[in-house]
Structure formats: C-alpha cells, structure tokens
Amino acid sequence: MKLTKSLLCSLFLLSSSAFAAPTTVASVSASSEYPADASGSYEAKKIADGKVSTAWVEGEDRNGLGANVTIELSKESEVAKIVFFAGMWYSKQYWDYSSRPTEVEVELDDGTKELVQIPNEMKPYTHMLKKPVKTRKVKITLRNVKSGSTFSDTGISEVLIYDTAPGDIVEVASATASSTAPDDADGNYDVANLYDNVQDTMWCEGNKASDGSGESLELTFKTKTTVKSFHLRNGIGTSLKYFMKGNRAQNITLTFDDGSSQKVAVANTMLHKEYPLTPVAAKSVKITFDDVAKGKEFDDLCISEAYFGN
C-alpha cells in the first residue's frame, strides 16, 4: 500500500495525566514565501494548518538563513512547549530533497529568545522553553540548515505550540496494535501516529488477509482515570480523495480493563468526531474494529487520530 503524502510522525508524551490540544492560531506571516508551482503552494499559513503534507518554504536566495515566520495566537497564552516538524514532509524522498532547519531562534513578545537545535532526522522535535512565557506571537528565524540533496529552499511543515492550560485528553503511556502496515516511501503507519495532533498521519493495519474487521488497538494510560469520551478522526485524513480510497471504521467495541465494554457507531466522515461514553474508571482500553466501510482502492483500515477524554 502506498498513500501519497501520508507521513512519518511520532508520539510525544506530556508530563501530566492529561494534555491539551495545541493553542489556536489566529494568523501566520513570513519574511518571504516560495512562489507556488505545479506541486502546490508554500505560504506561511501552511506551517499551522494541522497537516504535515503541506509546508511553509522560504523564498530567499540559497537556503534562507535569516528568513523568519511569525505565528500569532488567538489570545495571549503562557507558552511552554513548541513542536517542530522541520523540512518538507510530503514524503521521505522530498524531505531528503529539500533543505531543513537544524537551528532556529524562537523569539517571544517579552523579548525572550532561545536557540533551538533540531536534529537532522524526519521526526517531530519537541522544545521545552526554559520557563513558560506569556506571549501572543512566536517568531521563528532560520539560523542554520542542512542543505537538501536537490533543492536549496528550506521548509518547515508544521509547528505546534502548547501552553500551560490544563487539558482533558487522557495521556497514553504505551500502545500496541494487532497489526501494522509496513513503512513505505511516504512514511510509517505506526500506532503512535494516532496522538500527534496532525490530521494526515495515521495508523493502518497490516493484515493482508483482512479488510481491518477484527483488528484492534490497545492503549494503556499513564494513570487510572475516569474516561468520559472517545475522539476519532476516521480513515485517511490527508484529503477527502484519499479518505474515500481507504477502509475506515464503521462499528467499534471499547473494552476496558474492568471488563466493561461500550459500542460506538462511527460516522462515515474524515472530520474529528467526539463520542460521549458512559464514564468508566480505567487504566487501559482495547479498541476493536467490528466492521469497516470499504474504500475504493486500498483494502486497509486506517485511523488518523484516536484518543480519550476525561
């Protein structure tokens, strides 16, 4: 199976038993933007659109040292953490072709500046600020880059900004899947992709003898907690075109470690959906896909996001 623009991502864990979604972005501006071409557009706003299959690419000469992008939040927030998806994550090949930042300067409203060293690898990188800072804007300046094998232009696919506000999503300590599709030229399909807060990465089952019916996930929470809701972004979240090509969940059984279970009838949509549950105190849950809606091309069940609320 090959899914165009489905991409590698990793799970990052937070320090408490629940976490919040990234802060809401009001607008994004940049010192320069690479002009649109036959492959797409590279505006500043692509750095905060919830997808890693799009990117901001600077439009300076050579590799863009000194180019910057400014993310304005919807309100002043006490920012504590920034996650970078450095480079163009369209595919492993494009990530290698294009330049990507290995050092950026982060500047906040109060004048705070921190240099961030980003490893030269196609993995999300989490930077914790030395201390939380109240700010409305986050300015990111390119200070050093790794040149691409083909293109000198430097891109960043996504930046997620987190504040100190308490969250209501149950933190996962570990997760396993009954099967997982193997890596391909576009990335991986690991279970960790379910919690990365971008919509176009996914877990896909890898059972060639199955359409996904009967496959399962098992999530173990960091602490025992009262689970009140189930959140799902069904199918391939890259686009409606690819959503229709792949299999997606239709009916799910949630089995908790106390032996209780609850059924969820899943909407046939790629949009995020929250399903209220009868509250249950749990340390782990098994998600079983009872049956699936068949895709037009790929006979693999994929889920873009799945997590629980408390």
C-alpha atoms as a PDB file:
ATOM      1  CA  MET A   1       0.000   0.000   0.000  1.00  0.00           C
ATOM      2  CA  LYS A   2       1.259   3.477  -0.842  1.00  0.00           C
ATOM      3  CA  LEU A   3      -0.623   6.568   0.344  1.00  0.00           C
ATOM      4  CA  THR A   4       0.571   9.780  -1.293  1.00  0.00           C
ATOM      5  CA  LYS A   5       1.587  12.387   1.256  1.00  0.00           C
ATOM      6  CA  SER A   6       0.967  10.184   4.280  1.00  0.00           C
ATOM      7  CA  LEU A   7       3.856  10.862   6.540  1.00  0.00           C
ATOM      8  CA  LEU A   8       6.034   9.774   9.412  1.00  0.00           C
ATOM      9  CA  CYS A   9       5.181  11.048  12.875  1.00  0.00           C
ATOM     10  CA  SER A  10       5.926  10.055  16.447  1.00  0.00           C
ATOM     11  CA  LEU A  11       4.065  10.158  19.749  1.00  0.00           C
ATOM     12  CA  PHE A  12       5.342  12.680  22.262  1.00  0.00           C
ATOM     13  CA  LEU A  13       4.224  12.308  25.888  1.00  0.00           C
ATOM     14  CA  LEU A  14       3.448  15.171  28.242  1.00  0.00           C
ATOM     15  CA  SER A  15       4.213  15.445  31.914  1.00  0.00           C
ATOM     16  CA  SER A  16       0.727  15.180  33.421  1.00  0.00           C
ATOM     17  CA  SER A  17      -2.050  12.595  33.204  1.00  0.00           C
ATOM     18  CA  ALA A  18      -3.885  14.688  30.625  1.00  0.00           C
ATOM     19  CA  PHE A  19      -2.816  17.030  27.877  1.00  0.00           C
ATOM     20  CA  ALA A  20      -4.247  19.895  25.907  1.00  0.00           C
ATOM     21  CA  ALA A  21      -4.557  20.445  22.192  1.00  0.00           C
ATOM     22  CA  PRO A  22      -2.166  22.936  20.593  1.00  0.00           C
ATOM     23  CA  THR A  23      -3.027  26.591  21.075  1.00  0.00           C
ATOM     24  CA  THR A  24      -5.288  28.129  18.439  1.00  0.00           C
ATOM     25  CA  VAL A  25      -3.529  30.175  15.760  1.00  0.00           C
ATOM     26  CA  ALA A  26      -5.052  33.443  14.502  1.00  0.00           C
ATOM     27  CA  SER A  27      -2.664  34.207  11.651  1.00  0.00           C
ATOM     28  CA  VAL A  28       0.801  33.478  10.247  1.00  0.00           C
ATOM     29  CA  SER A  29       3.145  35.769   8.334  1.00  0.00           C
ATOM     30  CA  ALA A  30       6.635  35.295   6.940  1.00  0.00           C
ATOM     31  CA  SER A  31       9.531  37.384   5.692  1.00  0.00           C
ATOM     32  CA  SER A  32       9.293  35.529   2.377  1.00  0.00           C
ATOM     33  CA  GLU A  33       7.461  32.661   0.707  1.00  0.00           C
ATOM     34  CA  TYR A  34       8.492  30.421  -2.161  1.00  0.00           C
ATOM     35  CA  PRO A  35       6.181  31.062  -5.126  1.00  0.00           C
ATOM     36  CA  ALA A  36       3.516  28.500  -5.925  1.00  0.00           C
ATOM     37  CA  ASP A  37       4.337  25.976  -8.625  1.00  0.00           C
ATOM     38  CA  ALA A  38       2.812  22.882 -10.216  1.00  0.00           C
ATOM     39  CA  SER A  39       3.353  20.930  -6.986  1.00  0.00           C
ATOM     40  CA  GLY A  40       1.435  23.345  -4.763  1.00  0.00           C
ATOM     41  CA  SER A  41       1.797  26.473  -2.677  1.00  0.00           C
ATOM     42  CA  TYR A  42       4.125  27.253   0.207  1.00  0.00           C
ATOM     43  CA  GLU A  43       2.513  30.131   2.120  1.00  0.00           C
ATOM     44  CA  ALA A  44       3.327  30.901   5.733  1.00  0.00           C
ATOM     45  CA  LYS A  45      -0.093  29.653   6.862  1.00  0.00           C
ATOM     46  CA  LYS A  46       0.862  26.095   5.848  1.00  0.00           C
ATOM     47  CA  ILE A  47       3.066  25.899   8.944  1.00  0.00           C
ATOM     48  CA  ALA A  48      -0.023  25.866  11.190  1.00  0.00           C
ATOM     49  CA  ASP A  49      -2.757  24.132   9.182  1.00  0.00           C
ATOM     50  CA  GLY A  50      -2.787  20.847  11.105  1.00  0.00           C
ATOM     51  CA  LYS A  51      -1.140  18.946   8.253  1.00  0.00           C
ATOM     52  CA  VAL A  52       2.431  17.849   7.661  1.00  0.00           C
ATOM     53  CA  SER A  53       1.785  17.183   3.969  1.00  0.00           C
ATOM     54  CA  THR A  54       1.956  20.967   3.436  1.00  0.00           C
ATOM     55  CA  ALA A  55       4.814  23.312   4.290  1.00  0.00           C
ATOM     56  CA  TRP A  56       5.977  26.892   4.537  1.00  0.00           C
ATOM     57  CA  VAL A  57       9.031  27.296   2.326  1.00  0.00           C
ATOM     58  CA  GLU A  58      11.105  30.476   2.440  1.00  0.00           C
ATOM     59  CA  GLY A  59      11.663  32.399  -0.784  1.00  0.00           C
ATOM     60  CA  GLU A  60      15.112  33.873  -0.156  1.00  0.00           C
ATOM     61  CA  ASP A  61      18.252  33.236  -2.161  1.00  0.00           C
ATOM     62  CA  ARG A  62      20.063  29.997  -1.389  1.00  0.00           C
ATOM     63  CA  ASN A  63      18.926  28.298   1.816  1.00  0.00           C
ATOM     64  CA  GLY A  64      17.147  31.190   3.504  1.00  0.00           C
ATOM     65  CA  LEU A  65      19.293  31.869   6.557  1.00  0.00           C
ATOM     66  CA  GLY A  66      17.668  34.760   8.408  1.00  0.00           C
ATOM     67  CA  ALA A  67      14.248  34.141   6.928  1.00  0.00           C
ATOM     68  CA  ASN A  68      11.513  34.053   9.555  1.00  0.00           C
ATOM     69  CA  VAL A  69       7.908  33.158  10.161  1.00  0.00           C
ATOM     70  CA  THR A  70       5.680  34.664  12.863  1.00  0.00           C
ATOM     71  CA  ILE A  71       2.774  32.738  14.360  1.00  0.00           C
ATOM     72  CA  GLU A  72       0.139  34.896  16.060  1.00  0.00           C
ATOM     73  CA  LEU A  73      -2.026  33.071  18.599  1.00  0.00           C
ATOM     74  CA  SER A  74      -5.726  33.742  19.012  1.00  0.00           C
ATOM     75  CA  LYS A  75      -5.044  35.079  22.517  1.00  0.00           C
ATOM     76  CA  GLU A  76      -2.119  35.683  24.837  1.00  0.00           C
ATOM     77  CA  SER A  77      -1.018  32.313  26.197  1.00  0.00           C
ATOM     78  CA  GLU A  78       1.609  31.054  28.608  1.00  0.00           C
ATOM     79  CA  VAL A  79       3.650  29.112  26.071  1.00  0.00           C
ATOM     80  CA  ALA A  80       5.668  26.215  27.451  1.00  0.00           C
ATOM     81  CA  LYS A  81       6.433  23.910  24.541  1.00  0.00           C
ATOM     82  CA  ILE A  82       6.916  24.044  20.773  1.00  0.00           C
ATOM     83  CA  VAL A  83       6.964  21.019  18.465  1.00  0.00           C
ATOM     84  CA  PHE A  84       8.728  21.320  15.099  1.00  0.00           C
ATOM     85  CA  PHE A  85       8.174  19.183  12.004  1.00  0.00           C
ATOM     86  CA  ALA A  86      11.267  20.502  10.211  1.00  0.00           C
ATOM     87  CA  GLY A  87      11.621  20.064   6.462  1.00  0.00           C
ATOM     88  CA  MET A  88       9.125  19.135   3.762  1.00  0.00           C
ATOM     89  CA  TRP A  89       7.283  16.045   4.976  1.00  0.00           C
ATOM     90  CA  TYR A  90       5.480  15.311   1.695  1.00  0.00           C
ATOM     91  CA  SER A  91       7.426  12.045   1.617  1.00  0.00           C
ATOM     92  CA  LYS A  92      10.773  10.698   2.779  1.00  0.00           C
ATOM     93  CA  GLN A  93      12.130  11.491  -0.666  1.00  0.00           C
ATOM     94  CA  TYR A  94      11.020  15.136  -0.588  1.00  0.00           C
ATOM     95  CA  TRP A  95      12.329  15.542   2.942  1.00  0.00           C
ATOM     96  CA  ASP A  96      15.752  14.477   1.687  1.00  0.00           C
ATOM     97  CA  TYR A  97      15.498  16.597  -1.478  1.00  0.00           C
ATOM     98  CA  SER A  98      14.800  19.865   0.354  1.00  0.00           C
ATOM     99  CA  SER A  99      16.728  21.843   2.951  1.00  0.00           C
ATOM    100  CA  ARG A 100      15.540  21.743   6.572  1.00  0.00           C
ATOM    101  CA  PRO A 101      16.452  23.822   9.616  1.00  0.00           C
ATOM    102  CA  THR A 102      18.855  22.379  12.171  1.00  0.00           C
ATOM    103  CA  GLU A 103      18.872  25.537  14.312  1.00  0.00           C
ATOM    104  CA  VAL A 104      16.174  28.163  14.753  1.00  0.00           C
ATOM    105  CA  GLU A 105      15.786  31.159  17.026  1.00  0.00           C
ATOM    106  CA  VAL A 106      12.471  31.458  18.866  1.00  0.00           C
ATOM    107  CA  GLU A 107      11.502  34.977  19.932  1.00  0.00           C
ATOM    108  CA  LEU A 108       8.517  35.858  22.154  1.00  0.00           C
ATOM    109  CA  ASP A 109       6.690  39.105  22.936  1.00  0.00           C
ATOM    110  CA  ASP A 110       8.700  39.932  26.070  1.00  0.00           C
ATOM    111  CA  GLY A 111      11.987  39.752  24.167  1.00  0.00           C
ATOM    112  CA  THR A 112      12.803  36.207  25.259  1.00  0.00           C
ATOM    113  CA  LYS A 113      14.996  34.471  22.683  1.00  0.00           C
ATOM    114  CA  GLU A 114      16.031  30.819  22.673  1.00  0.00           C
ATOM    115  CA  LEU A 115      18.144  28.930  20.171  1.00  0.00           C
ATOM    116  CA  VAL A 116      16.691  25.540  19.319  1.00  0.00           C
ATOM    117  CA  GLN A 117      18.865  22.750  17.931  1.00  0.00           C
ATOM    118  CA  ILE A 118      16.757  20.451  15.746  1.00  0.00           C
ATOM    119  CA  PRO A 119      18.175  17.000  14.934  1.00  0.00           C
ATOM    120  CA  ASN A 120      18.598  16.251  11.233  1.00  0.00           C
ATOM    121  CA  GLU A 121      16.004  13.496  11.162  1.00  0.00           C
ATOM    122  CA  MET A 122      12.439  13.149   9.936  1.00  0.00           C
ATOM    123  CA  LYS A 123      10.892  13.111  13.377  1.00  0.00           C
ATOM    124  CA  PRO A 124       8.945  15.784  15.271  1.00  0.00           C
ATOM    125  CA  TYR A 125      11.202  17.633  17.699  1.00  0.00           C
ATOM    126  CA  THR A 126       9.867  18.978  20.996  1.00  0.00           C
ATOM    127  CA  HIS A 127      11.468  22.058  22.548  1.00  0.00           C
ATOM    128  CA  MET A 128      10.574  22.921  26.133  1.00  0.00           C
ATOM    129  CA  LEU A 129      11.092  26.598  26.956  1.00  0.00           C
ATOM    130  CA  LYS A 130      13.386  27.309  29.897  1.00  0.00           C
ATOM    131  CA  LYS A 131      10.278  28.653  31.592  1.00  0.00           C
ATOM    132  CA  PRO A 132       6.727  29.345  30.354  1.00  0.00           C
ATOM    133  CA  VAL A 133       6.329  32.793  28.812  1.00  0.00           C
ATOM    134  CA  LYS A 134       3.140  34.786  28.238  1.00  0.00           C
ATOM    135  CA  THR A 135       3.047  35.783  24.603  1.00  0.00           C
ATOM    136  CA  ARG A 136       0.724  36.439  21.678  1.00  0.00           C
ATOM    137  CA  LYS A 137       3.330  35.911  18.961  1.00  0.00           C
ATOM    138  CA  VAL A 138       6.033  33.316  18.336  1.00  0.00           C
ATOM    139  CA  LYS A 139       8.684  34.341  15.811  1.00  0.00           C
ATOM    140  CA  ILE A 140      10.873  31.587  14.354  1.00  0.00           C
ATOM    141  CA  THR A 141      14.057  32.568  12.479  1.00  0.00           C
ATOM    142  CA  LEU A 142      16.226  30.179  10.459  1.00  0.00           C
ATOM    143  CA  ARG A 143      19.774  30.214  11.861  1.00  0.00           C
ATOM    144  CA  ASN A 144      21.298  27.046  10.417  1.00  0.00           C
ATOM    145  CA  VAL A 145      20.114  24.486   7.897  1.00  0.00           C
ATOM    146  CA  LYS A 146      21.012  21.125   6.411  1.00  0.00           C
ATOM    147  CA  SER A 147      21.114  21.502   2.651  1.00  0.00           C
ATOM    148  CA  GLY A 148      18.830  19.250   0.649  1.00  0.00           C
ATOM    149  CA  SER A 149      20.200  16.838  -1.910  1.00  0.00           C
ATOM    150  CA  THR A 150      18.288  18.600  -4.722  1.00  0.00           C
ATOM    151  CA  PHE A 151      16.636  21.854  -3.550  1.00  0.00           C
ATOM    152  CA  SER A 152      18.318  24.634  -1.563  1.00  0.00           C
ATOM    153  CA  ASP A 153      14.994  26.050  -0.343  1.00  0.00           C
ATOM    154  CA  THR A 154      14.253  25.481   3.351  1.00  0.00           C
ATOM    155  CA  GLY A 155      10.859  24.421   4.638  1.00  0.00           C
ATOM    156  CA  ILE A 156       9.003  23.677   7.859  1.00  0.00           C
ATOM    157  CA  SER A 157       5.906  21.513   7.556  1.00  0.00           C
ATOM    158  CA  GLU A 158       4.239  22.224  10.896  1.00  0.00           C
ATOM    159  CA  VAL A 159       4.771  23.943  14.236  1.00  0.00           C
ATOM    160  CA  LEU A 160       2.591  23.089  17.229  1.00  0.00           C
ATOM    161  CA  ILE A 161       2.554  25.487  20.177  1.00  0.00           C
ATOM    162  CA  TYR A 162       1.394  24.372  23.623  1.00  0.00           C
ATOM    163  CA  ASP A 163       0.585  26.472  26.660  1.00  0.00           C
ATOM    164  CA  THR A 164       0.248  25.580  30.334  1.00  0.00           C
ATOM    165  CA  ALA A 165      -3.546  25.409  30.351  1.00  0.00           C
ATOM    166  CA  PRO A 166      -4.816  22.098  31.737  1.00  0.00           C
ATOM    167  CA  GLY A 167      -6.003  19.577  29.189  1.00  0.00           C
ATOM    168  CA  ASP A 168      -8.740  16.977  29.138  1.00  0.00           C
ATOM    169  CA  ILE A 169      -7.212  14.296  26.924  1.00  0.00           C
ATOM    170  CA  VAL A 170      -6.035  11.126  28.671  1.00  0.00           C
ATOM    171  CA  GLU A 171      -2.292  10.598  28.298  1.00  0.00           C
ATOM    172  CA  VAL A 172      -1.183   7.259  26.894  1.00  0.00           C
ATOM    173  CA  ALA A 173       1.827   5.502  28.386  1.00  0.00           C
ATOM    174  CA  SER A 174       2.014   2.756  25.745  1.00  0.00           C
ATOM    175  CA  ALA A 175       0.062   1.462  22.784  1.00  0.00           C
ATOM    176  CA  THR A 176       0.045  -1.684  20.668  1.00  0.00           C
ATOM    177  CA  ALA A 177      -1.778  -2.810  17.543  1.00  0.00           C
ATOM    178  CA  SER A 178      -2.870  -6.244  16.338  1.00  0.00           C
ATOM    179  CA  SER A 179      -1.029  -5.482  13.089  1.00  0.00           C
ATOM    180  CA  THR A 180       0.614  -2.512  11.366  1.00  0.00           C
ATOM    181  CA  ALA A 181       1.259  -1.810   7.698  1.00  0.00           C
ATOM    182  CA  PRO A 182       4.974  -1.710   6.816  1.00  0.00           C
ATOM    183  CA  ASP A 183       6.793   1.532   6.116  1.00  0.00           C
ATOM    184  CA  ASP A 184       6.840   2.715   2.514  1.00  0.00           C
ATOM    185  CA  ALA A 185       8.191   5.665   0.577  1.00  0.00           C
ATOM    186  CA  ASP A 186       5.694   8.007   2.230  1.00  0.00           C
ATOM    187  CA  GLY A 187       6.466   7.160   5.856  1.00  0.00           C
ATOM    188  CA  ASN A 188       5.172   4.816   8.514  1.00  0.00           C
ATOM    189  CA  TYR A 189       1.764   3.788   9.799  1.00  0.00           C
ATOM    190  CA  ASP A 190       2.596   3.222  13.461  1.00  0.00           C
ATOM    191  CA  VAL A 191       0.030   3.338  16.256  1.00  0.00           C
ATOM    192  CA  ALA A 192       1.886   6.363  17.680  1.00  0.00           C
ATOM    193  CA  ASN A 193       0.548   8.465  14.808  1.00  0.00           C
ATOM    194  CA  LEU A 194      -2.861   8.452  16.478  1.00  0.00           C
ATOM    195  CA  TYR A 195      -1.850  11.097  19.058  1.00  0.00           C
ATOM    196  CA  ASP A 196       0.350  13.572  17.231  1.00  0.00           C
ATOM    197  CA  ASN A 197      -2.246  16.344  16.723  1.00  0.00           C
ATOM    198  CA  VAL A 198      -1.914  16.410  12.943  1.00  0.00           C
ATOM    199  CA  GLN A 199      -4.645  15.003  10.747  1.00  0.00           C
ATOM    200  CA  ASP A 200      -2.699  13.476   7.858  1.00  0.00           C
ATOM    201  CA  THR A 201      -0.657  10.860   9.684  1.00  0.00           C
ATOM    202  CA  MET A 202      -2.272   7.575  10.583  1.00  0.00           C
ATOM    203  CA  TRP A 203      -2.166   4.027  11.885  1.00  0.00           C
ATOM    204  CA  CYS A 204      -3.012   1.456   9.236  1.00  0.00           C
ATOM    205  CA  GLU A 205      -3.470  -2.250   9.926  1.00  0.00           C
ATOM    206  CA  GLY A 206      -1.182  -4.640   8.088  1.00  0.00           C
ATOM    207  CA  ASN A 207      -3.165  -7.881   7.918  1.00  0.00           C
ATOM    208  CA  LYS A 208      -3.176  -8.825   4.232  1.00  0.00           C
ATOM    209  CA  ALA A 209      -5.892 -11.411   4.852  1.00  0.00           C
ATOM    210  CA  SER A 210      -8.283  -8.873   6.340  1.00  0.00           C
ATOM    211  CA  ASP A 211     -10.021  -5.631   5.427  1.00  0.00           C
ATOM    212  CA  GLY A 212      -9.493  -4.473   9.003  1.00  0.00           C
ATOM    213  CA  SER A 213     -12.524  -6.121  10.575  1.00  0.00           C
ATOM    214  CA  GLY A 214     -11.459  -7.729  13.839  1.00  0.00           C
ATOM    215  CA  GLU A 215      -8.219  -5.741  14.074  1.00  0.00           C
ATOM    216  CA  SER A 216      -7.584  -3.931  17.347  1.00  0.00           C
ATOM    217  CA  LEU A 217      -5.580  -1.367  19.268  1.00  0.00           C
ATOM    218  CA  GLU A 218      -4.743  -1.460  22.968  1.00  0.00           C
ATOM    219  CA  LEU A 219      -3.965   1.738  24.859  1.00  0.00           C
ATOM    220  CA  THR A 220      -2.529   1.818  28.370  1.00  0.00           C
ATOM    221  CA  PHE A 221      -2.961   5.127  30.168  1.00  0.00           C
ATOM    222  CA  LYS A 222      -0.298   6.762  32.287  1.00  0.00           C
ATOM    223  CA  THR A 223      -2.607   6.660  35.317  1.00  0.00           C
ATOM    224  CA  LYS A 224      -6.005   5.216  36.065  1.00  0.00           C
ATOM    225  CA  THR A 225      -8.556   7.854  35.138  1.00  0.00           C
ATOM    226  CA  THR A 226     -12.251   8.337  34.503  1.00  0.00           C
ATOM    227  CA  VAL A 227     -12.829   8.137  30.766  1.00  0.00           C
ATOM    228  CA  LYS A 228     -15.814  10.143  29.507  1.00  0.00           C
ATOM    229  CA  SER A 229     -15.434  10.401  25.737  1.00  0.00           C
ATOM    230  CA  PHE A 230     -13.832   8.812  22.692  1.00  0.00           C
ATOM    231  CA  HIS A 231     -12.309  11.029  19.989  1.00  0.00           C
ATOM    232  CA  LEU A 232     -11.812   9.776  16.446  1.00  0.00           C
ATOM    233  CA  ARG A 233     -10.639  11.064  13.091  1.00  0.00           C
ATOM    234  CA  ASN A 234     -11.662   8.172  10.913  1.00  0.00           C
ATOM    235  CA  GLY A 235      -9.820   6.856   7.857  1.00  0.00           C
ATOM    236  CA  ILE A 236      -7.077   8.542   5.868  1.00  0.00           C
ATOM    237  CA  GLY A 237      -7.051  12.197   6.914  1.00  0.00           C
ATOM    238  CA  THR A 238      -4.904  13.541   4.081  1.00  0.00           C
ATOM    239  CA  SER A 239      -7.850  14.622   1.907  1.00  0.00           C
ATOM    240  CA  LEU A 240     -11.389  13.576   1.012  1.00  0.00           C
ATOM    241  CA  LYS A 241      -9.993  11.907  -2.112  1.00  0.00           C
ATOM    242  CA  TYR A 242      -7.741   9.624  -0.071  1.00  0.00           C
ATOM    243  CA  PHE A 243     -10.339   9.164   2.662  1.00  0.00           C
ATOM    244  CA  MET A 244     -12.611   7.598   0.074  1.00  0.00           C
ATOM    245  CA  LYS A 245      -9.824   5.345  -1.233  1.00  0.00           C
ATOM    246  CA  GLY A 246      -9.110   3.603   2.086  1.00  0.00           C
ATOM    247  CA  ASN A 247     -11.134   1.495   4.508  1.00  0.00           C
ATOM    248  CA  ARG A 248     -12.480   3.235   7.603  1.00  0.00           C
ATOM    249  CA  ALA A 249     -14.153   2.151  10.808  1.00  0.00           C
ATOM    250  CA  GLN A 250     -17.909   1.613  10.905  1.00  0.00           C
ATOM    251  CA  ASN A 251     -18.568  -0.019  14.300  1.00  0.00           C
ATOM    252  CA  ILE A 252     -16.202  -0.227  17.257  1.00  0.00           C
ATOM    253  CA  THR A 253     -16.201  -2.010  20.609  1.00  0.00           C
ATOM    254  CA  LEU A 254     -14.322  -0.425  23.504  1.00  0.00           C
ATOM    255  CA  THR A 255     -13.345  -2.943  26.193  1.00  0.00           C
ATOM    256  CA  PHE A 256     -11.966  -1.500  29.433  1.00  0.00           C
ATOM    257  CA  ASP A 257      -9.721  -3.235  31.930  1.00  0.00           C
ATOM    258  CA  ASP A 258     -12.588  -3.538  34.443  1.00  0.00           C
ATOM    259  CA  GLY A 259     -14.279  -5.934  31.994  1.00  0.00           C
ATOM    260  CA  SER A 260     -16.949  -3.496  30.822  1.00  0.00           C
ATOM    261  CA  SER A 261     -17.471  -2.638  27.177  1.00  0.00           C
ATOM    262  CA  GLN A 262     -19.242   0.001  25.131  1.00  0.00           C
ATOM    263  CA  LYS A 263     -20.232   0.088  21.459  1.00  0.00           C
ATOM    264  CA  VAL A 264     -19.567   3.068  19.191  1.00  0.00           C
ATOM    265  CA  ALA A 265     -21.276   3.553  15.821  1.00  0.00           C
ATOM    266  CA  VAL A 266     -18.786   5.597  13.837  1.00  0.00           C
ATOM    267  CA  ALA A 267     -19.741   8.406  11.457  1.00  0.00           C
ATOM    268  CA  ASN A 268     -18.520   7.999   7.876  1.00  0.00           C
ATOM    269  CA  THR A 269     -16.548  11.251   7.872  1.00  0.00           C
ATOM    270  CA  MET A 270     -12.895  12.279   7.922  1.00  0.00           C
ATOM    271  CA  LEU A 271     -13.703  15.118  10.333  1.00  0.00           C
ATOM    272  CA  HIS A 272     -12.868  14.872  14.024  1.00  0.00           C
ATOM    273  CA  LYS A 273     -15.785  13.420  15.987  1.00  0.00           C
ATOM    274  CA  GLU A 274     -16.279  13.150  19.748  1.00  0.00           C
ATOM    275  CA  TYR A 275     -18.409  10.250  21.029  1.00  0.00           C
ATOM    276  CA  PRO A 276     -19.730  10.560  24.608  1.00  0.00           C
ATOM    277  CA  LEU A 277     -19.240   7.464  26.763  1.00  0.00           C
ATOM    278  CA  THR A 278     -20.756   6.196  29.967  1.00  0.00           C
ATOM    279  CA  PRO A 279     -17.972   7.283  32.381  1.00  0.00           C
ATOM    280  CA  VAL A 280     -15.686   4.452  33.424  1.00  0.00           C
ATOM    281  CA  ALA A 281     -12.539   4.382  35.585  1.00  0.00           C
ATOM    282  CA  ALA A 282      -9.851   2.670  33.529  1.00  0.00           C
ATOM    283  CA  LYS A 283      -6.128   2.107  33.201  1.00  0.00           C
ATOM    284  CA  SER A 284      -6.334   0.578  29.721  1.00  0.00           C
ATOM    285  CA  VAL A 285      -8.747   0.039  26.851  1.00  0.00           C
ATOM    286  CA  LYS A 286      -8.908  -2.251  23.836  1.00  0.00           C
ATOM    287  CA  ILE A 287     -10.380  -0.768  20.659  1.00  0.00           C
ATOM    288  CA  THR A 288     -11.793  -3.471  18.387  1.00  0.00           C
ATOM    289  CA  PHE A 289     -12.953  -2.650  14.869  1.00  0.00           C
ATOM    290  CA  ASP A 290     -16.028  -4.834  14.438  1.00  0.00           C
ATOM    291  CA  ASP A 291     -16.630  -3.932  10.798  1.00  0.00           C
ATOM    292  CA  VAL A 292     -15.452  -1.378   8.284  1.00  0.00           C
ATOM    293  CA  ALA A 293     -16.658   0.710   5.359  1.00  0.00           C
ATOM    294  CA  LYS A 294     -14.764  -0.361   2.266  1.00  0.00           C
ATOM    295  CA  GLY A 295     -12.547   2.045   0.347  1.00  0.00           C
ATOM    296  CA  LYS A 296     -12.392   2.395  -3.427  1.00  0.00           C
ATOM    297  CA  GLU A 297      -8.737   1.401  -3.786  1.00  0.00           C
ATOM    298  CA  PHE A 298      -6.861   0.356  -0.625  1.00  0.00           C
ATOM    299  CA  ASP A 299      -8.132  -2.666   1.300  1.00  0.00           C
ATOM    300  CA  ASP A 300      -6.535  -1.478   4.543  1.00  0.00           C
ATOM    301  CA  LEU A 301      -8.211   0.057   7.573  1.00  0.00           C
ATOM    302  CA  CYS A 302      -6.619   3.374   8.574  1.00  0.00           C
ATOM    303  CA  ILE A 303      -7.316   5.692  11.505  1.00  0.00           C
ATOM    304  CA  SER A 304      -5.847   9.191  11.611  1.00  0.00           C
ATOM    305  CA  GLU A 305      -6.488  10.022  15.281  1.00  0.00           C
ATOM    306  CA  ALA A 306      -7.936   8.137  18.260  1.00  0.00           C
ATOM    307  CA  TYR A 307      -7.805   9.198  21.906  1.00  0.00           C
ATOM    308  CA  PHE A 308      -9.933   9.527  25.040  1.00  0.00           C
ATOM    309  CA  GLY A 309     -11.193  12.447  27.084  1.00  0.00           C
ATOM    310  CA  ASN A 310     -11.678  12.671  30.850  1.00  0.00           C
END
